[in-house]
Amino acid sequence: MKNSARTSLLLALLLSTGSAMAQAKMDEMKGMDMAKKPSAGVSAKHMATGLVKKVDAKTGVVTLAHEPVKTLNWPAMTMGFKVKDKMLMDKLGEGKKVAFEFMQDGSDYVITAVK
């Protein structure tokens, strides 16, 4: 009987810890309007300004600390973007502040232009 009670207590603790961790992850995305999606068949373009934190030319991904993106109701955050045209990588040096255009492609966000 004692083992059953211990097992139940352990299970309850594990479940509550997992729930708290999931809530903490969701709190990181607070302010993002996840329901806001472009119309079917239309890829909306978005503009943002950000600081290049990391460039991975091999995978074609750049990490940017960007300012809020009003068209997506996103707060400022740091995230990775794929780069559509590898030629844009020359404009995305680490430590450089850039204005960029991006769009959603499936579950990825892809930079289409850099100014």
PDB file of N, CA and C in Angstrom:
ATOM      1  N   MET A   1       0.818  -1.190   0.000  1.00  0.00           N
ATOM      2  CA  MET A   1       0.000   0.000   0.000  1.00  0.00           C
ATOM      3  C   MET A   1       0.861   1.252   0.000  1.00  0.00           C
ATOM      4  N   LYS A   2       1.978   1.229   0.752  1.00  0.00           N
ATOM      5  CA  LYS A   2       2.855   2.383   0.801  1.00  0.00           C
ATOM      6  C   LYS A   2       3.449   2.666  -0.573  1.00  0.00           C
ATOM      7  N   ASN A   3       3.824   1.613  -1.302  1.00  0.00           N
ATOM      8  CA  ASN A   3       4.391   1.795  -2.641  1.00  0.00           C
ATOM      9  C   ASN A   3       3.374   2.428  -3.578  1.00  0.00           C
ATOM     10  N   SER A   4       2.138   2.066  -3.465  1.00  0.00           N
ATOM     11  CA  SER A   4       1.095   2.623  -4.305  1.00  0.00           C
ATOM     12  C   SER A   4       0.923   4.113  -4.021  1.00  0.00           C
ATOM     13  N   ALA A   5       0.952   4.480  -2.760  1.00  0.00           N
ATOM     14  CA  ALA A   5       0.817   5.890  -2.378  1.00  0.00           C
ATOM     15  C   ALA A   5       2.021   6.680  -2.874  1.00  0.00           C
ATOM     16  N   ARG A   6       3.212   6.134  -2.748  1.00  0.00           N
ATOM     17  CA  ARG A   6       4.427   6.812  -3.224  1.00  0.00           C
ATOM     18  C   ARG A   6       4.387   6.984  -4.741  1.00  0.00           C
ATOM     19  N   THR A   7       3.958   5.943  -5.423  1.00  0.00           N
ATOM     20  CA  THR A   7       3.871   6.006  -6.886  1.00  0.00           C
ATOM     21  C   THR A   7       2.870   7.077  -7.312  1.00  0.00           C
ATOM     22  N   SER A   8       1.746   7.135  -6.646  1.00  0.00           N
ATOM     23  CA  SER A   8       0.729   8.150  -6.961  1.00  0.00           C
ATOM     24  C   SER A   8       1.264   9.546  -6.710  1.00  0.00           C
ATOM     25  N   LEU A   9       1.963   9.748  -5.606  1.00  0.00           N
ATOM     26  CA  LEU A   9       2.538  11.047  -5.276  1.00  0.00           C
ATOM     27  C   LEU A   9       3.594  11.443  -6.305  1.00  0.00           C
ATOM     28  N   LEU A  10       4.451  10.513  -6.664  1.00  0.00           N
ATOM     29  CA  LEU A  10       5.493  10.774  -7.655  1.00  0.00           C
ATOM     30  C   LEU A  10       4.880  11.130  -9.006  1.00  0.00           C
ATOM     31  N   LEU A  11       3.874  10.408  -9.407  1.00  0.00           N
ATOM     32  CA  LEU A  11       3.192  10.681 -10.667  1.00  0.00           C
ATOM     33  C   LEU A  11       2.551  12.073 -10.652  1.00  0.00           C
ATOM     34  N   ALA A  12       1.916  12.430  -9.549  1.00  0.00           N
ATOM     35  CA  ALA A  12       1.289  13.758  -9.426  1.00  0.00           C
ATOM     36  C   ALA A  12       2.334  14.858  -9.510  1.00  0.00           C
ATOM     37  N   LEU A  13       3.481  14.665  -8.871  1.00  0.00           N
ATOM     38  CA  LEU A  13       4.558  15.659  -8.923  1.00  0.00           C
ATOM     39  C   LEU A  13       5.113  15.800 -10.334  1.00  0.00           C
ATOM     40  N   LEU A  14       5.303  14.692 -11.015  1.00  0.00           N
ATOM     41  CA  LEU A  14       5.827  14.736 -12.379  1.00  0.00           C
ATOM     42  C   LEU A  14       4.870  15.446 -13.323  1.00  0.00           C
ATOM     43  N   LEU A  15       3.587  15.168 -13.187  1.00  0.00           N
ATOM     44  CA  LEU A  15       2.595  15.807 -14.049  1.00  0.00           C
ATOM     45  C   LEU A  15       2.527  17.311 -13.803  1.00  0.00           C
ATOM     46  N   SER A  16       2.596  17.725 -12.552  1.00  0.00           N
ATOM     47  CA  SER A  16       2.521  19.159 -12.256  1.00  0.00           C
ATOM     48  C   SER A  16       3.786  19.871 -12.726  1.00  0.00           C
ATOM     49  N   THR A  17       4.939  19.225 -12.653  1.00  0.00           N
ATOM     50  CA  THR A  17       6.184  19.816 -13.138  1.00  0.00           C
ATOM     51  C   THR A  17       6.138  19.989 -14.646  1.00  0.00           C
ATOM     52  N   GLY A  18       5.661  18.982 -15.349  1.00  0.00           N
ATOM     53  CA  GLY A  18       5.553  19.070 -16.812  1.00  0.00           C
ATOM     54  C   GLY A  18       4.604  20.176 -17.222  1.00  0.00           C
ATOM     55  N   SER A  19       3.509  20.328 -16.509  1.00  0.00           N
ATOM     56  CA  SER A  19       2.533  21.378 -16.805  1.00  0.00           C
ATOM     57  C   SER A  19       3.140  22.752 -16.570  1.00  0.00           C
ATOM     58  N   ALA A  20       3.898  22.899 -15.493  1.00  0.00           N
ATOM     59  CA  ALA A  20       4.542  24.185 -15.194  1.00  0.00           C
ATOM     60  C   ALA A  20       5.579  24.532 -16.251  1.00  0.00           C
ATOM     61  N   MET A  21       6.324  23.547 -16.718  1.00  0.00           N
ATOM     62  CA  MET A  21       7.334  23.785 -17.757  1.00  0.00           C
ATOM     63  C   MET A  21       6.663  24.187 -19.065  1.00  0.00           C
ATOM     64  N   ALA A  22       5.575  23.563 -19.411  1.00  0.00           N
ATOM     65  CA  ALA A  22       4.851  23.908 -20.634  1.00  0.00           C
ATOM     66  C   ALA A  22       4.310  25.326 -20.541  1.00  0.00           C
ATOM     67  N   GLN A  23       3.810  25.699 -19.369  1.00  0.00           N
ATOM     68  CA  GLN A  23       3.291  27.064 -19.189  1.00  0.00           C
ATOM     69  C   GLN A  23       4.424  28.082 -19.313  1.00  0.00           C
ATOM     70  N   ALA A  24       5.611  27.769 -18.784  1.00  0.00           N
ATOM     71  CA  ALA A  24       6.752  28.678 -18.886  1.00  0.00           C
ATOM     72  C   ALA A  24       7.125  28.898 -20.346  1.00  0.00           C
ATOM     73  N   LYS A  25       7.113  27.840 -21.159  1.00  0.00           N
ATOM     74  CA  LYS A  25       7.403  27.961 -22.592  1.00  0.00           C
ATOM     75  C   LYS A  25       6.363  28.843 -23.273  1.00  0.00           C
ATOM     76  N   MET A  26       5.110  28.674 -22.927  1.00  0.00           N
ATOM     77  CA  MET A  26       4.048  29.477 -23.526  1.00  0.00           C
ATOM     78  C   MET A  26       4.197  30.944 -23.122  1.00  0.00           C
ATOM     79  N   ASP A  27       4.635  31.197 -21.882  1.00  0.00           N
ATOM     80  CA  ASP A  27       4.817  32.574 -21.426  1.00  0.00           C
ATOM     81  C   ASP A  27       5.886  33.287 -22.242  1.00  0.00           C
ATOM     82  N   GLU A  28       6.893  32.570 -22.759  1.00  0.00           N
ATOM     83  CA  GLU A  28       7.930  33.165 -23.596  1.00  0.00           C
ATOM     84  C   GLU A  28       7.331  33.726 -24.880  1.00  0.00           C
ATOM     85  N   MET A  29       6.226  33.153 -25.339  1.00  0.00           N
ATOM     86  CA  MET A  29       5.615  33.578 -26.598  1.00  0.00           C
ATOM     87  C   MET A  29       4.443  34.521 -26.346  1.00  0.00           C
ATOM     88  N   LYS A  30       4.327  35.019 -25.123  1.00  0.00           N
ATOM     89  CA  LYS A  30       3.246  35.926 -24.763  1.00  0.00           C
ATOM     90  C   LYS A  30       3.264  37.139 -25.685  1.00  0.00           C
ATOM     91  N   GLY A  31       2.130  37.521 -26.172  1.00  0.00           N
ATOM     92  CA  GLY A  31       2.043  38.683 -27.054  1.00  0.00           C
ATOM     93  C   GLY A  31       2.023  38.322 -28.525  1.00  0.00           C
ATOM     94  N   MET A  32       2.343  37.082 -28.866  1.00  0.00           N
ATOM     95  CA  MET A  32       2.318  36.663 -30.267  1.00  0.00           C
ATOM     96  C   MET A  32       0.903  36.241 -30.629  1.00  0.00           C
ATOM     97  N   ASP A  33       0.416  36.712 -31.742  1.00  0.00           N
ATOM     98  CA  ASP A  33      -0.921  36.356 -32.203  1.00  0.00           C
ATOM     99  C   ASP A  33      -0.786  35.150 -33.125  1.00  0.00           C
ATOM    100  N   MET A  34      -0.838  33.959 -32.554  1.00  0.00           N
ATOM    101  CA  MET A  34      -0.624  32.733 -33.313  1.00  0.00           C
ATOM    102  C   MET A  34      -1.786  32.447 -34.264  1.00  0.00           C
ATOM    103  N   ALA A  35      -2.946  33.050 -34.028  1.00  0.00           N
ATOM    104  CA  ALA A  35      -4.100  32.806 -34.886  1.00  0.00           C
ATOM    105  C   ALA A  35      -4.059  33.645 -36.150  1.00  0.00           C
ATOM    106  N   LYS A  36      -3.223  34.663 -36.170  1.00  0.00           N
ATOM    107  CA  LYS A  36      -3.161  35.552 -37.323  1.00  0.00           C
ATOM    108  C   LYS A  36      -2.376  34.874 -38.435  1.00  0.00           C
ATOM    109  N   LYS A  37      -3.073  34.502 -39.514  1.00  0.00           N
ATOM    110  CA  LYS A  37      -2.449  33.804 -40.633  1.00  0.00           C
ATOM    111  C   LYS A  37      -2.865  34.482 -41.919  1.00  0.00           C
ATOM    112  N   PRO A  38      -1.976  34.473 -42.921  1.00  0.00           N
ATOM    113  CA  PRO A  38      -2.368  35.060 -44.198  1.00  0.00           C
ATOM    114  C   PRO A  38      -3.458  34.232 -44.861  1.00  0.00           C
ATOM    115  N   SER A  39      -4.175  34.851 -45.786  1.00  0.00           N
ATOM    116  CA  SER A  39      -5.222  34.143 -46.530  1.00  0.00           C
ATOM    117  C   SER A  39      -4.630  32.971 -47.295  1.00  0.00           C
ATOM    118  N   ALA A  40      -5.427  31.965 -47.540  1.00  0.00           N
ATOM    119  CA  ALA A  40      -4.968  30.784 -48.270  1.00  0.00           C
ATOM    120  C   ALA A  40      -4.441  31.197 -49.637  1.00  0.00           C
ATOM    121  N   GLY A  41      -3.274  30.691 -49.980  1.00  0.00           N
ATOM    122  CA  GLY A  41      -2.679  30.956 -51.284  1.00  0.00           C
ATOM    123  C   GLY A  41      -1.938  32.284 -51.353  1.00  0.00           C
ATOM    124  N   VAL A  42      -1.985  33.090 -50.285  1.00  0.00           N
ATOM    125  CA  VAL A  42      -1.326  34.383 -50.284  1.00  0.00           C
ATOM    126  C   VAL A  42      -0.237  34.368 -49.215  1.00  0.00           C
ATOM    127  N   SER A  43       0.983  34.686 -49.613  1.00  0.00           N
ATOM    128  CA  SER A  43       2.075  34.772 -48.660  1.00  0.00           C
ATOM    129  C   SER A  43       2.308  36.241 -48.345  1.00  0.00           C
ATOM    130  N   ALA A  44       1.921  36.650 -47.160  1.00  0.00           N
ATOM    131  CA  ALA A  44       2.088  38.032 -46.745  1.00  0.00           C
ATOM    132  C   ALA A  44       3.556  38.314 -46.482  1.00  0.00           C
ATOM    133  N   LYS A  45       3.992  39.505 -46.882  1.00  0.00           N
ATOM    134  CA  LYS A  45       5.367  39.928 -46.621  1.00  0.00           C
ATOM    135  C   LYS A  45       5.349  40.863 -45.429  1.00  0.00           C
ATOM    136  N   HIS A  46       6.375  40.748 -44.612  1.00  0.00           N
ATOM    137  CA  HIS A  46       6.490  41.533 -43.387  1.00  0.00           C
ATOM    138  C   HIS A  46       7.842  42.229 -43.374  1.00  0.00           C
ATOM    139  N   MET A  47       7.879  43.396 -42.767  1.00  0.00           N
ATOM    140  CA  MET A  47       9.125  44.155 -42.639  1.00  0.00           C
ATOM    141  C   MET A  47       9.525  44.196 -41.170  1.00  0.00           C
ATOM    142  N   ALA A  48      10.840  44.165 -40.931  1.00  0.00           N
ATOM    143  CA  ALA A  48      11.350  44.264 -39.567  1.00  0.00           C
ATOM    144  C   ALA A  48      12.769  44.823 -39.610  1.00  0.00           C
ATOM    145  N   THR A  49      13.226  45.241 -38.452  1.00  0.00           N
ATOM    146  CA  THR A  49      14.595  45.702 -38.276  1.00  0.00           C
ATOM    147  C   THR A  49      15.192  44.850 -37.173  1.00  0.00           C
ATOM    148  N   GLY A  50      16.445  44.453 -37.359  1.00  0.00           N
ATOM    149  CA  GLY A  50      17.052  43.620 -36.340  1.00  0.00           C
ATOM    150  C   GLY A  50      18.562  43.632 -36.374  1.00  0.00           C
ATOM    151  N   LEU A  51      19.149  43.078 -35.338  1.00  0.00           N
ATOM    152  CA  LEU A  51      20.590  42.954 -35.208  1.00  0.00           C
ATOM    153  C   LEU A  51      20.970  41.505 -35.494  1.00  0.00           C
ATOM    154  N   VAL A  52      21.902  41.318 -36.428  1.00  0.00           N
ATOM    155  CA  VAL A  52      22.341  39.968 -36.790  1.00  0.00           C
ATOM    156  C   VAL A  52      23.193  39.411 -35.651  1.00  0.00           C
ATOM    157  N   LYS A  53      22.744  38.308 -35.075  1.00  0.00           N
ATOM    158  CA  LYS A  53      23.451  37.668 -33.974  1.00  0.00           C
ATOM    159  C   LYS A  53      24.350  36.528 -34.443  1.00  0.00           C
ATOM    160  N   LYS A  54      23.883  35.792 -35.467  1.00  0.00           N
ATOM    161  CA  LYS A  54      24.632  34.625 -35.934  1.00  0.00           C
ATOM    162  C   LYS A  54      24.258  34.351 -37.382  1.00  0.00           C
ATOM    163  N   VAL A  55      25.255  33.939 -38.165  1.00  0.00           N
ATOM    164  CA  VAL A  55      25.018  33.577 -39.562  1.00  0.00           C
ATOM    165  C   VAL A  55      25.552  32.167 -39.770  1.00  0.00           C
ATOM    166  N   ASP A  56      24.714  31.286 -40.274  1.00  0.00           N
ATOM    167  CA  ASP A  56      25.136  29.925 -40.596  1.00  0.00           C
ATOM    168  C   ASP A  56      24.948  29.746 -42.102  1.00  0.00           C
ATOM    169  N   ALA A  57      26.001  30.078 -42.849  1.00  0.00           N
ATOM    170  CA  ALA A  57      25.926  30.016 -44.310  1.00  0.00           C
ATOM    171  C   ALA A  57      25.687  28.594 -44.802  1.00  0.00           C
ATOM    172  N   LYS A  58      26.164  27.616 -44.070  1.00  0.00           N
ATOM    173  CA  LYS A  58      26.014  26.214 -44.473  1.00  0.00           C
ATOM    174  C   LYS A  58      24.541  25.796 -44.533  1.00  0.00           C
ATOM    175  N   THR A  59      23.767  26.208 -43.516  1.00  0.00           N
ATOM    176  CA  THR A  59      22.346  25.841 -43.482  1.00  0.00           C
ATOM    177  C   THR A  59      21.446  26.924 -44.070  1.00  0.00           C
ATOM    178  N   GLY A  60      22.028  28.111 -44.324  1.00  0.00           N
ATOM    179  CA  GLY A  60      21.234  29.205 -44.872  1.00  0.00           C
ATOM    180  C   GLY A  60      20.295  29.817 -43.852  1.00  0.00           C
ATOM    181  N   VAL A  61      20.731  29.822 -42.578  1.00  0.00           N
ATOM    182  CA  VAL A  61      19.909  30.371 -41.502  1.00  0.00           C
ATOM    183  C   VAL A  61      20.661  31.507 -40.815  1.00  0.00           C
ATOM    184  N   VAL A  62      19.948  32.592 -40.564  1.00  0.00           N
ATOM    185  CA  VAL A  62      20.517  33.721 -39.842  1.00  0.00           C
ATOM    186  C   VAL A  62      19.673  33.958 -38.595  1.00  0.00           C
ATOM    187  N   THR A  63      20.348  34.216 -37.468  1.00  0.00           N
ATOM    188  CA  THR A  63      19.658  34.495 -36.214  1.00  0.00           C
ATOM    189  C   THR A  63      19.656  36.003 -36.009  1.00  0.00           C
ATOM    190  N   LEU A  64      18.461  36.560 -35.827  1.00  0.00           N
ATOM    191  CA  LEU A  64      18.291  38.004 -35.671  1.00  0.00           C
ATOM    192  C   LEU A  64      17.581  38.323 -34.365  1.00  0.00           C
ATOM    193  N   ALA A  65      18.052  39.364 -33.681  1.00  0.00           N
ATOM    194  CA  ALA A  65      17.329  39.933 -32.544  1.00  0.00           C
ATOM    195  C   ALA A  65      16.517  41.067 -33.158  1.00  0.00           C
ATOM    196  N   HIS A  66      15.247  40.789 -33.462  1.00  0.00           N
ATOM    197  CA  HIS A  66      14.459  41.778 -34.183  1.00  0.00           C
ATOM    198  C   HIS A  66      13.526  42.571 -33.274  1.00  0.00           C
ATOM    199  N   GLU A  67      13.167  43.747 -33.769  1.00  0.00           N
ATOM    200  CA  GLU A  67      12.216  44.605 -33.080  1.00  0.00           C
ATOM    201  C   GLU A  67      10.812  44.035 -33.291  1.00  0.00           C
ATOM    202  N   PRO A  68       9.813  44.590 -32.621  1.00  0.00           N
ATOM    203  CA  PRO A  68       8.443  44.075 -32.804  1.00  0.00           C
ATOM    204  C   PRO A  68       8.014  44.103 -34.278  1.00  0.00           C
ATOM    205  N   VAL A  69       7.226  43.101 -34.675  1.00  0.00           N
ATOM    206  CA  VAL A  69       6.686  43.019 -36.034  1.00  0.00           C
ATOM    207  C   VAL A  69       5.180  43.248 -35.903  1.00  0.00           C
ATOM    208  N   LYS A  70       4.740  44.463 -36.220  1.00  0.00           N
ATOM    209  CA  LYS A  70       3.341  44.846 -36.022  1.00  0.00           C
ATOM    210  C   LYS A  70       2.384  44.020 -36.871  1.00  0.00           C
ATOM    211  N   THR A  71       2.790  43.672 -38.108  1.00  0.00           N
ATOM    212  CA  THR A  71       1.879  42.940 -38.991  1.00  0.00           C
ATOM    213  C   THR A  71       1.580  41.533 -38.490  1.00  0.00           C
ATOM    214  N   LEU A  72       2.402  41.007 -37.601  1.00  0.00           N
ATOM    215  CA  LEU A  72       2.163  39.678 -37.027  1.00  0.00           C
ATOM    216  C   LEU A  72       1.832  39.752 -35.535  1.00  0.00           C
ATOM    217  N   ASN A  73       1.828  40.971 -34.995  1.00  0.00           N
ATOM    218  CA  ASN A  73       1.593  41.177 -33.572  1.00  0.00           C
ATOM    219  C   ASN A  73       2.638  40.444 -32.725  1.00  0.00           C
ATOM    220  N   TRP A  74       3.892  40.444 -33.194  1.00  0.00           N
ATOM    221  CA  TRP A  74       5.004  39.810 -32.477  1.00  0.00           C
ATOM    222  C   TRP A  74       5.727  40.839 -31.619  1.00  0.00           C
ATOM    223  N   PRO A  75       6.146  40.447 -30.434  1.00  0.00           N
ATOM    224  CA  PRO A  75       7.017  41.319 -29.644  1.00  0.00           C
ATOM    225  C   PRO A  75       8.455  41.198 -30.171  1.00  0.00           C
ATOM    226  N   ALA A  76       9.332  42.034 -29.687  1.00  0.00           N
ATOM    227  CA  ALA A  76      10.754  41.902 -30.031  1.00  0.00           C
ATOM    228  C   ALA A  76      11.246  40.558 -29.497  1.00  0.00           C
ATOM    229  N   MET A  77      12.071  39.870 -30.283  1.00  0.00           N
ATOM    230  CA  MET A  77      12.612  38.578 -29.853  1.00  0.00           C
ATOM    231  C   MET A  77      13.808  38.206 -30.721  1.00  0.00           C
ATOM    232  N   THR A  78      14.485  37.159 -30.357  1.00  0.00           N
ATOM    233  CA  THR A  78      15.596  36.631 -31.136  1.00  0.00           C
ATOM    234  C   THR A  78      15.152  35.303 -31.723  1.00  0.00           C
ATOM    235  N   MET A  79      15.319  35.166 -33.046  1.00  0.00           N
ATOM    236  CA  MET A  79      14.885  33.928 -33.688  1.00  0.00           C
ATOM    237  C   MET A  79      15.669  33.699 -34.974  1.00  0.00           C
ATOM    238  N   GLY A  80      15.611  32.485 -35.469  1.00  0.00           N
ATOM    239  CA  GLY A  80      16.291  32.128 -36.709  1.00  0.00           C
ATOM    240  C   GLY A  80      15.366  32.272 -37.905  1.00  0.00           C
ATOM    241  N   PHE A  81      15.919  32.765 -39.006  1.00  0.00           N
ATOM    242  CA  PHE A  81      15.198  32.897 -40.263  1.00  0.00           C
ATOM    243  C   PHE A  81      15.990  32.178 -41.343  1.00  0.00           C
ATOM    244  N   LYS A  82      15.318  31.496 -42.213  1.00  0.00           N
ATOM    245  CA  LYS A  82      15.975  30.949 -43.398  1.00  0.00           C
ATOM    246  C   LYS A  82      16.176  32.106 -44.369  1.00  0.00           C
ATOM    247  N   VAL A  83      17.136  31.965 -45.252  1.00  0.00           N
ATOM    248  CA  VAL A  83      17.409  32.998 -46.241  1.00  0.00           C
ATOM    249  C   VAL A  83      17.093  32.420 -47.612  1.00  0.00           C
ATOM    250  N   LYS A  84      16.177  33.085 -48.338  1.00  0.00           N
ATOM    251  CA  LYS A  84      15.708  32.571 -49.620  1.00  0.00           C
ATOM    252  C   LYS A  84      16.827  32.508 -50.658  1.00  0.00           C
ATOM    253  N   ASP A  85      17.576  33.598 -50.769  1.00  0.00           N
ATOM    254  CA  ASP A  85      18.634  33.695 -51.773  1.00  0.00           C
ATOM    255  C   ASP A  85      19.979  33.789 -51.047  1.00  0.00           C
ATOM    256  N   LYS A  86      20.858  32.835 -51.268  1.00  0.00           N
ATOM    257  CA  LYS A  86      22.160  32.790 -50.586  1.00  0.00           C
ATOM    258  C   LYS A  86      22.972  34.069 -50.824  1.00  0.00           C
ATOM    259  N   MET A  87      22.672  34.804 -51.903  1.00  0.00           N
ATOM    260  CA  MET A  87      23.374  36.053 -52.195  1.00  0.00           C
ATOM    261  C   MET A  87      23.095  37.095 -51.092  1.00  0.00           C
ATOM    262  N   LEU A  88      21.990  36.963 -50.397  1.00  0.00           N
ATOM    263  CA  LEU A  88      21.651  37.894 -49.325  1.00  0.00           C
ATOM    264  C   LEU A  88      22.563  37.737 -48.114  1.00  0.00           C
ATOM    265  N   MET A  89      23.213  36.593 -48.000  1.00  0.00           N
ATOM    266  CA  MET A  89      24.082  36.326 -46.847  1.00  0.00           C
ATOM    267  C   MET A  89      25.190  37.369 -46.723  1.00  0.00           C
ATOM    268  N   ASP A  90      25.635  37.941 -47.851  1.00  0.00           N
ATOM    269  CA  ASP A  90      26.688  38.962 -47.823  1.00  0.00           C
ATOM    270  C   ASP A  90      26.237  40.209 -47.069  1.00  0.00           C
ATOM    271  N   LYS A  91      24.946  40.473 -47.044  1.00  0.00           N
ATOM    272  CA  LYS A  91      24.398  41.649 -46.369  1.00  0.00           C
ATOM    273  C   LYS A  91      24.077  41.383 -44.904  1.00  0.00           C
ATOM    274  N   LEU A  92      24.265  40.148 -44.464  1.00  0.00           N
ATOM    275  CA  LEU A  92      23.858  39.739 -43.123  1.00  0.00           C
ATOM    276  C   LEU A  92      25.048  39.374 -42.239  1.00  0.00           C
ATOM    277  N   GLY A  93      25.989  40.288 -42.091  1.00  0.00           N
ATOM    278  CA  GLY A  93      27.161  40.035 -41.257  1.00  0.00           C
ATOM    279  C   GLY A  93      26.828  40.144 -39.773  1.00  0.00           C
ATOM    280  N   GLU A  94      27.462  39.318 -38.965  1.00  0.00           N
ATOM    281  CA  GLU A  94      27.229  39.339 -37.514  1.00  0.00           C
ATOM    282  C   GLU A  94      27.510  40.730 -36.964  1.00  0.00           C
ATOM    283  N   GLY A  95      26.612  41.198 -36.098  1.00  0.00           N
ATOM    284  CA  GLY A  95      26.756  42.500 -35.470  1.00  0.00           C
ATOM    285  C   GLY A  95      26.171  43.651 -36.283  1.00  0.00           C
ATOM    286  N   LYS A  96      25.682  43.359 -37.473  1.00  0.00           N
ATOM    287  CA  LYS A  96      25.136  44.377 -38.357  1.00  0.00           C
ATOM    288  C   LYS A  96      23.649  44.576 -38.104  1.00  0.00           C
ATOM    289  N   LYS A  97      23.206  45.855 -38.089  1.00  0.00           N
ATOM    290  CA  LYS A  97      21.779  46.142 -37.954  1.00  0.00           C
ATOM    291  C   LYS A  97      21.205  46.261 -39.354  1.00  0.00           C
ATOM    292  N   VAL A  98      20.117  45.518 -39.613  1.00  0.00           N
ATOM    293  CA  VAL A  98      19.542  45.471 -40.953  1.00  0.00           C
ATOM    294  C   VAL A  98      18.028  45.626 -40.915  1.00  0.00           C
ATOM    295  N   ALA A  99      17.510  46.162 -42.011  1.00  0.00           N
ATOM    296  CA  ALA A  99      16.065  46.155 -42.256  1.00  0.00           C
ATOM    297  C   ALA A  99      15.853  45.006 -43.225  1.00  0.00           C
ATOM    298  N   PHE A 100      14.857  44.181 -42.970  1.00  0.00           N
ATOM    299  CA  PHE A 100      14.656  43.016 -43.819  1.00  0.00           C
ATOM    300  C   PHE A 100      13.176  42.744 -44.047  1.00  0.00           C
ATOM    301  N   GLU A 101      12.922  42.070 -45.149  1.00  0.00           N
ATOM    302  CA  GLU A 101      11.576  41.648 -45.515  1.00  0.00           C
ATOM    303  C   GLU A 101      11.546  40.134 -45.410  1.00  0.00           C
ATOM    304  N   PHE A 102      10.446  39.602 -44.889  1.00  0.00           N
ATOM    305  CA  PHE A 102      10.341  38.148 -44.768  1.00  0.00           C
ATOM    306  C   PHE A 102       8.904  37.713 -44.961  1.00  0.00           C
ATOM    307  N   MET A 103       8.749  36.424 -45.173  1.00  0.00           N
ATOM    308  CA  MET A 103       7.429  35.832 -45.336  1.00  0.00           C
ATOM    309  C   MET A 103       7.430  34.437 -44.732  1.00  0.00           C
ATOM    310  N   GLN A 104       6.255  33.904 -44.510  1.00  0.00           N
ATOM    311  CA  GLN A 104       6.146  32.553 -43.980  1.00  0.00           C
ATOM    312  C   GLN A 104       6.100  31.572 -45.137  1.00  0.00           C
ATOM    313  N   ASP A 105       6.869  30.497 -44.985  1.00  0.00           N
ATOM    314  CA  ASP A 105       6.880  29.414 -45.965  1.00  0.00           C
ATOM    315  C   ASP A 105       6.705  28.122 -45.177  1.00  0.00           C
ATOM    316  N   GLY A 106       5.487  27.642 -45.101  1.00  0.00           N
ATOM    317  CA  GLY A 106       5.199  26.472 -44.260  1.00  0.00           C
ATOM    318  C   GLY A 106       5.377  26.861 -42.809  1.00  0.00           C
ATOM    319  N   SER A 107       6.228  26.145 -42.084  1.00  0.00           N
ATOM    320  CA  SER A 107       6.480  26.483 -40.683  1.00  0.00           C
ATOM    321  C   SER A 107       7.718  27.359 -40.522  1.00  0.00           C
ATOM    322  N   ASP A 108       8.360  27.732 -41.641  1.00  0.00           N
ATOM    323  CA  ASP A 108       9.564  28.556 -41.603  1.00  0.00           C
ATOM    324  C   ASP A 108       9.256  30.004 -41.940  1.00  0.00           C
ATOM    325  N   TYR A 109      10.094  30.896 -41.442  1.00  0.00           N
ATOM    326  CA  TYR A 109      10.048  32.294 -41.834  1.00  0.00           C
ATOM    327  C   TYR A 109      11.305  32.541 -42.652  1.00  0.00           C
ATOM    328  N   VAL A 110      11.124  33.122 -43.852  1.00  0.00           N
ATOM    329  CA  VAL A 110      12.186  33.215 -44.835  1.00  0.00           C
ATOM    330  C   VAL A 110      12.436  34.679 -45.194  1.00  0.00           C
ATOM    331  N   ILE A 111      13.695  35.108 -45.086  1.00  0.00           N
ATOM    332  CA  ILE A 111      14.081  36.459 -45.484  1.00  0.00           C
ATOM    333  C   ILE A 111      14.131  36.504 -47.001  1.00  0.00           C
ATOM    334  N   THR A 112      13.433  37.495 -47.575  1.00  0.00           N
ATOM    335  CA  THR A 112      13.372  37.630 -49.031  1.00  0.00           C
ATOM    336  C   THR A 112      14.131  38.855 -49.530  1.00  0.00           C
ATOM    337  N   ALA A 113      14.410  39.823 -48.639  1.00  0.00           N
ATOM    338  CA  ALA A 113      15.154  41.022 -49.037  1.00  0.00           C
ATOM    339  C   ALA A 113      15.824  41.625 -47.808  1.00  0.00           C
ATOM    340  N   VAL A 114      16.982  42.262 -48.031  1.00  0.00           N
ATOM    341  CA  VAL A 114      17.722  42.933 -46.955  1.00  0.00           C
ATOM    342  C   VAL A 114      18.113  44.315 -47.435  1.00  0.00           C
ATOM    343  N   LYS A 115      17.914  45.302 -46.584  1.00  0.00           N
ATOM    344  CA  LYS A 115      18.269  46.689 -46.926  1.00  0.00           C
ATOM    345  C   LYS A 115      19.259  47.231 -45.939  1.00  0.00           C
TER     346      LYS A 115
END
